[in-house]
Protein backbone atom coordinates (compact mmCIF):
# COMPACT_ATOMS: atom_id res chain seq x y z
CA MET A 1 56.96 19.54 61.38
CA GLU A 2 54.72 16.85 62.25
CA ASP A 3 56.20 13.55 61.40
CA HIS A 4 53.17 12.11 59.94
CA ASN A 5 50.52 13.57 57.51
CA VAL A 6 47.35 15.23 58.05
CA PHE A 7 44.86 12.50 58.76
CA ALA A 8 47.40 9.69 59.98
CA GLY A 9 48.94 9.34 63.40
CA ALA A 10 48.58 6.56 65.46
CA PHE A 11 46.11 8.70 67.82
CA VAL A 12 43.15 5.98 68.24
CA ASP A 13 43.80 2.92 69.61
CA ARG A 14 41.60 0.32 67.47
CA SER A 15 41.56 -2.31 69.87
CA GLY A 16 40.68 -5.17 67.15
CA GLU A 17 40.26 -8.16 70.21
CA ARG A 18 37.35 -6.06 71.43
CA ARG A 19 35.29 -6.07 68.30
CA LYS A 20 34.11 -9.16 68.51
CA ASP A 21 33.06 -8.88 72.11
CA PRO A 22 29.72 -8.15 72.62
CA ASP A 23 29.65 -7.67 76.20
CA TRP A 24 32.26 -5.05 76.04
CA LEU A 25 30.87 -3.14 72.93
CA ALA A 26 27.38 -2.82 75.21
CA GLU A 27 29.07 -1.69 78.32
CA ALA A 28 31.59 0.43 76.48
CA MET A 29 28.40 2.02 74.74
CA SER A 30 26.60 2.71 77.71
CA ALA A 31 29.91 4.28 79.74
CA HIS A 32 29.88 7.80 81.00
CA ASP A 33 33.20 8.53 79.53
CA THR A 34 32.25 7.13 76.32
CA ARG A 35 32.35 9.67 73.51
CA PHE A 36 30.44 9.64 70.12
CA VAL A 37 31.53 11.20 66.60
CA PRO A 38 27.87 11.96 64.66
CA VAL A 39 28.17 11.77 60.98
CA TRP A 40 25.69 13.49 59.04
CA GLY A 41 25.98 12.29 55.32
CA ASP A 42 30.14 12.98 54.25
CA ARG A 43 30.57 15.51 57.31
CA CYS A 44 31.67 15.79 60.79
CA LEU A 45 30.69 18.10 63.53
CA ALA A 46 33.18 20.83 64.73
CA GLY A 47 32.33 24.06 66.75
CA GLY A 48 34.55 26.72 68.73
CA ASP A 49 36.78 28.89 68.18
CA PRO A 50 39.55 27.43 67.23
CA PRO A 51 37.79 24.60 65.84
CA VAL A 52 37.55 21.38 67.98
CA ALA A 53 35.48 18.36 66.90
CA VAL A 54 32.71 17.77 68.98
CA LEU A 55 32.67 14.70 70.77
CA LEU A 56 28.96 13.56 72.19
CA GLU A 57 28.05 11.78 75.11
CA ARG A 58 25.23 9.22 75.06
CA ALA A 59 22.66 10.98 76.31
CA GLN A 60 23.10 13.76 73.53
CA ILE A 61 22.85 11.54 70.82
CA GLU A 62 20.17 8.53 72.20
CA ALA A 63 17.91 9.55 69.30
CA PHE A 64 20.03 8.82 66.48
CA ILE A 65 21.46 5.38 68.20
CA GLY A 66 20.07 2.75 65.37
CA ASP A 67 20.58 -1.29 65.30
CA GLU A 68 23.07 -0.87 62.59
CA ASN A 69 24.68 2.60 62.30
CA VAL A 70 26.95 2.55 65.07
CA ILE A 71 30.80 2.07 64.98
CA PHE A 72 33.52 1.25 67.50
CA LEU A 73 36.51 3.08 66.53
CA GLY A 74 38.51 2.07 68.86
CA LEU A 75 39.87 3.87 72.24
CA PHE A 76 40.66 7.90 72.05
CA ARG A 77 42.25 9.50 74.87
CA ASN A 78 41.90 6.66 76.43
CA GLN A 79 38.07 6.64 76.19
CA PRO A 80 35.67 4.65 74.12
CA ALA A 81 34.53 6.36 71.24
CA PHE A 82 32.07 5.56 68.40
CA ALA A 83 31.01 6.81 65.23
CA VAL A 84 27.01 7.42 64.24
CA SER A 85 26.27 7.60 60.92
CA ILE A 86 23.54 10.21 60.51
CA GLU A 87 21.34 10.08 56.94
CA ARG A 88 22.06 13.16 55.13
CA ASN A 89 18.31 13.76 54.01
CA GLN A 90 17.85 14.86 57.96
CA GLU A 91 17.79 18.44 59.02
CA ALA A 92 21.39 18.96 60.57
CA PRO A 93 21.84 17.68 64.16
CA PHE A 94 22.83 20.09 67.13
CA PRO A 95 23.33 23.32 65.75
CA ASP A 96 23.25 24.49 68.95
CA LEU A 97 26.92 22.59 69.59
CA GLY A 98 28.46 23.66 65.92
CA GLU A 99 28.33 22.92 62.11
CA PHE A 100 28.85 20.04 59.69
CA LYS A 101 32.05 20.56 58.22
CA ASP A 102 33.93 18.77 55.08
CA LEU A 103 36.78 17.00 55.97
CA ARG A 104 39.01 19.14 53.71
CA PHE A 105 37.95 21.95 55.34
CA LEU A 106 38.32 20.54 59.04
CA GLY A 107 41.96 18.82 58.08
CA THR A 108 43.09 22.64 58.19
CA VAL A 109 41.54 23.44 61.70
CA LEU A 110 41.64 20.84 64.02
CA PRO A 111 44.05 19.72 66.52
CA PRO A 112 46.14 16.53 64.42
CA ASP A 113 44.87 13.70 66.93
CA GLU A 114 41.02 15.08 66.48
CA ALA A 115 41.47 15.36 62.54
CA ASN A 116 42.98 11.45 62.36
CA LEU A 117 39.38 10.00 64.70
CA ILE A 118 37.01 12.08 62.62
CA ALA A 119 38.73 10.82 59.11
CA HIS A 120 38.50 7.36 60.71
CA ALA A 121 34.64 7.84 61.04
CA ARG A 122 33.68 9.62 57.83
CA ALA A 123 35.29 7.06 55.83
CA ILE A 124 34.02 3.39 57.88
CA ALA A 125 30.68 5.46 57.84
CA LEU A 126 30.67 5.88 53.82
CA TRP A 127 31.83 2.31 53.19
CA HIS A 128 28.99 0.89 55.25
CA ASP A 129 26.89 3.04 52.84
CA ALA A 130 28.04 2.19 50.36
CA THR A 131 28.15 -1.67 50.89
CA LEU A 132 24.80 -2.75 52.12
CA PHE A 133 24.37 -5.44 50.03
CA CYS A 134 26.65 -8.66 49.01
CA GLY A 135 29.50 -8.06 46.14
CA LYS A 136 29.15 -11.87 45.76
CA CYS A 137 25.30 -12.87 46.12
CA GLY A 138 23.59 -9.80 46.39
CA SER A 139 21.87 -10.06 49.12
CA ALA A 140 22.03 -7.29 51.67
CA SER A 141 24.29 -7.16 54.28
CA GLN A 142 24.52 -6.43 58.09
CA PRO A 143 27.53 -4.86 60.37
CA GLU A 144 29.22 -7.20 62.63
CA ALA A 145 32.43 -6.53 64.99
CA GLY A 146 31.50 -3.47 66.16
CA GLY A 147 30.72 -2.66 62.56
CA ASN A 148 34.27 -3.21 61.44
CA THR A 149 32.98 -5.47 59.04
CA ARG A 150 29.71 -6.36 57.39
CA ARG A 151 27.88 -10.16 57.05
CA CYS A 152 25.92 -11.57 54.15
CA CYS A 153 22.82 -11.88 55.16
CA ASN A 154 22.33 -14.61 52.78
CA PRO A 155 22.79 -18.10 54.49
CA ALA A 156 24.46 -19.90 51.56
CA CYS A 157 26.78 -17.02 50.54
CA SER A 158 27.86 -15.32 54.46
CA ALA A 159 30.74 -13.86 52.64
CA GLU A 160 32.29 -11.24 55.22
CA LEU A 161 33.06 -7.94 53.90
CA PHE A 162 35.84 -5.91 55.10
CA PRO A 163 36.42 -1.99 54.88
CA ARG A 164 38.06 -0.94 51.15
CA THR A 165 41.00 0.63 50.79
CA ASP A 166 42.02 1.91 47.21
CA PRO A 167 46.23 2.24 47.39
CA ALA A 168 47.63 5.29 45.09
CA ILE A 169 50.95 6.46 44.15
CA ILE A 170 51.78 9.83 44.21
CA VAL A 171 55.15 11.09 43.37
CA LEU A 172 57.09 14.13 42.87
CA VAL A 173 59.97 13.63 40.36
CA ALA A 174 63.25 15.72 40.17
CA ASP A 175 65.76 16.11 38.07
CA GLY A 176 68.56 17.74 39.46
CA ASP A 177 67.43 21.19 40.83
CA ARG A 178 63.91 20.90 38.33
CA CYS A 179 60.63 18.88 39.73
CA LEU A 180 57.65 17.63 37.63
CA LEU A 181 54.26 18.95 38.36
CA GLY A 182 51.20 18.80 36.07
CA ARG A 183 47.72 20.01 36.58
CA GLN A 184 43.95 18.74 35.58
CA ALA A 185 42.06 20.97 33.50
CA ASP A 186 39.22 21.71 36.53
CA TRP A 187 41.70 22.58 39.28
CA PRO A 188 41.89 26.50 39.77
CA GLU A 189 44.24 28.41 37.12
CA GLY A 190 47.93 28.07 38.09
CA ARG A 191 47.64 25.65 40.44
CA TYR A 192 50.10 22.32 39.82
CA SER A 193 51.01 18.97 42.01
CA THR A 194 52.82 16.29 41.75
CA ILE A 195 51.79 13.24 40.00
CA ALA A 196 49.32 10.47 41.15
CA GLY A 197 47.43 7.45 39.93
CA PHE A 198 46.03 4.11 41.06
CA VAL A 199 48.08 1.33 41.88
CA GLU A 200 46.58 -1.77 39.67
CA PRO A 201 46.22 -5.43 40.67
CA GLY A 202 49.42 -7.57 40.62
CA GLU A 203 51.34 -3.94 40.35
CA SER A 204 54.49 -3.44 42.81
CA LEU A 205 54.04 0.16 43.83
CA GLU A 206 57.44 1.36 42.71
CA ASP A 207 56.34 -0.06 38.97
CA ALA A 208 53.36 1.76 39.63
CA VAL A 209 55.16 5.16 39.92
CA ARG A 210 56.97 4.20 37.37
CA ARG A 211 53.68 3.46 35.07
CA GLU A 212 51.68 6.35 35.96
CA VAL A 213 54.56 9.16 35.34
CA TYR A 214 55.54 7.48 32.16
CA GLU A 215 51.41 7.45 30.81
CA GLU A 216 50.98 11.08 32.03
CA THR A 217 53.57 12.90 31.16
CA ASN A 218 55.98 10.41 28.86
CA ILE A 219 58.92 11.23 31.40
CA ARG A 220 60.91 7.45 32.65
CA VAL A 221 62.02 7.56 35.91
CA GLY A 222 64.85 5.69 37.33
CA ARG A 223 65.61 5.28 41.50
CA VAL A 224 62.61 5.14 43.36
CA SER A 225 62.15 6.06 47.38
CA TYR A 226 59.27 5.89 49.76
CA HIS A 227 58.61 9.37 51.56
CA SER A 228 55.35 8.50 53.96
CA SER A 229 51.67 8.03 53.44
CA GLN A 230 48.08 9.72 53.95
CA PRO A 231 45.03 8.33 54.29
CA TRP A 232 42.62 10.08 51.89
CA PRO A 233 39.44 9.47 52.69
CA PHE A 234 37.52 10.61 49.78
CA PRO A 235 36.26 8.34 49.99
CA SER A 236 38.65 5.81 50.38
CA SER A 237 41.97 6.29 49.14
CA LEU A 238 45.33 5.54 51.02
CA MET A 239 48.47 7.79 49.18
CA LEU A 240 52.04 6.14 49.21
CA GLY A 241 54.23 9.15 48.78
CA PHE A 242 57.68 8.99 47.06
CA VAL A 243 60.01 10.84 45.53
CA ALA A 244 62.01 9.62 42.41
CA GLU A 245 64.87 10.75 39.52
CA ALA A 246 64.01 11.46 36.09
CA ILE A 247 65.86 9.20 33.65
CA SER A 248 63.99 11.60 30.65
CA THR A 249 63.19 14.79 30.47
CA ASP A 250 60.60 15.06 27.51
CA ILE A 251 57.12 16.08 28.36
CA ARG A 252 54.29 14.66 26.43
CA LEU A 253 50.75 14.21 27.85
CA ASN A 254 50.50 11.09 26.80
CA ASP A 255 46.99 9.48 28.26
CA GLY A 256 45.22 13.27 28.03
CA GLU A 257 44.90 12.78 32.09
CA LEU A 258 46.65 16.18 32.22
CA ASP A 259 46.08 19.50 30.92
CA ASP A 260 49.55 20.38 31.29
CA ALA A 261 52.51 19.61 32.72
CA ARG A 262 56.13 21.12 33.73
CA TRP A 263 59.55 21.44 35.54
CA PHE A 264 59.87 23.79 37.57
CA THR A 265 62.67 25.03 39.23
CA ARG A 266 62.89 25.60 43.54
CA GLU A 267 63.21 29.72 42.62
CA GLN A 268 59.81 29.46 40.25
CA LEU A 269 57.92 27.42 43.14
CA ARG A 270 59.48 29.55 46.45
CA SER A 271 58.34 33.01 43.93
CA GLY A 272 54.85 32.00 45.12
CA GLU A 273 53.48 32.65 41.40
CA THR A 274 52.70 29.28 40.78
CA GLY A 275 49.99 27.66 42.72
CA LEU A 276 50.57 24.27 44.90
CA PRO A 277 48.87 21.95 46.19
CA PHE A 278 46.71 22.18 49.61
CA ARG A 279 48.52 22.28 52.61
CA ILE A 280 46.83 19.21 54.31
CA SER A 281 48.15 17.08 51.28
CA ILE A 282 50.95 14.43 50.54
CA ALA A 283 51.42 16.26 47.19
CA ARG A 284 52.50 19.72 49.31
CA ARG A 285 54.04 17.92 51.92
CA LEU A 286 56.42 16.49 48.80
CA VAL A 287 56.68 19.48 47.33
CA ASN A 288 58.15 21.14 50.65
CA HIS A 289 60.27 18.44 51.46
CA TRP A 290 61.97 18.83 47.90
CA LEU A 291 62.34 22.98 48.69
CA GLY A 292 63.61 21.79 52.01
CA THR A 293 60.85 23.59 54.05
CA GLY A 294 59.10 20.61 55.50
């Protein structure tokens, strides 16, 4: 088992000190060993069997490079790497090199370092698309720092805008040889997962765990222990994984977010009769950890 979740891992040297060095960035943009990650809407390019991320040279992607759609990601395999955002209203480019695929699929097939790279590229490309205007004054904004921040174009405001990340807790609640799983109404029949929810302002992670579990299932939890985290760029979440001990057992769906919630034994989950979370998700890793299989 990897010591990190899918999409995570320090595979990209983000080289923050170079983001505000325009001379270095300009030189890197033209270097022969620099690679570019095309992001078409919310999809990334992969090809081959087994699939790999398609990383392009400058000459291959020159026609799509503009003043505001190139983002410095860092050093990947010791080479400068940039994302290039391509609008979805254009026909998908590079059909001879591969196919643009959804990140949920690519996370299941790509090498870990490439999954980490394209998750980074996709997340920040989508942030730019959603942050064309300043949230303080409503004026247009423009990229700065190699595309890692934006700046309000209104001189009277000039606010610096940073990429958004939404913290969310996700927790496996255990009661001895049972664990608590729930399901939403629009999920495939029979699939259950761990309890999750967004952290609210002024709230600690442990408090968010206790609140979310109670709101969704009526279960009170005591001890809360951190497990691991996972960037989840759909579009901008950071999943913070925990395990917790139940101190009550009577399930009631308090807030209506879940269609069902139940206690499951290890034997029930190992039988295969219950659908479990996607293999690339931290939810699945939490379940596997409890089962002793990962």
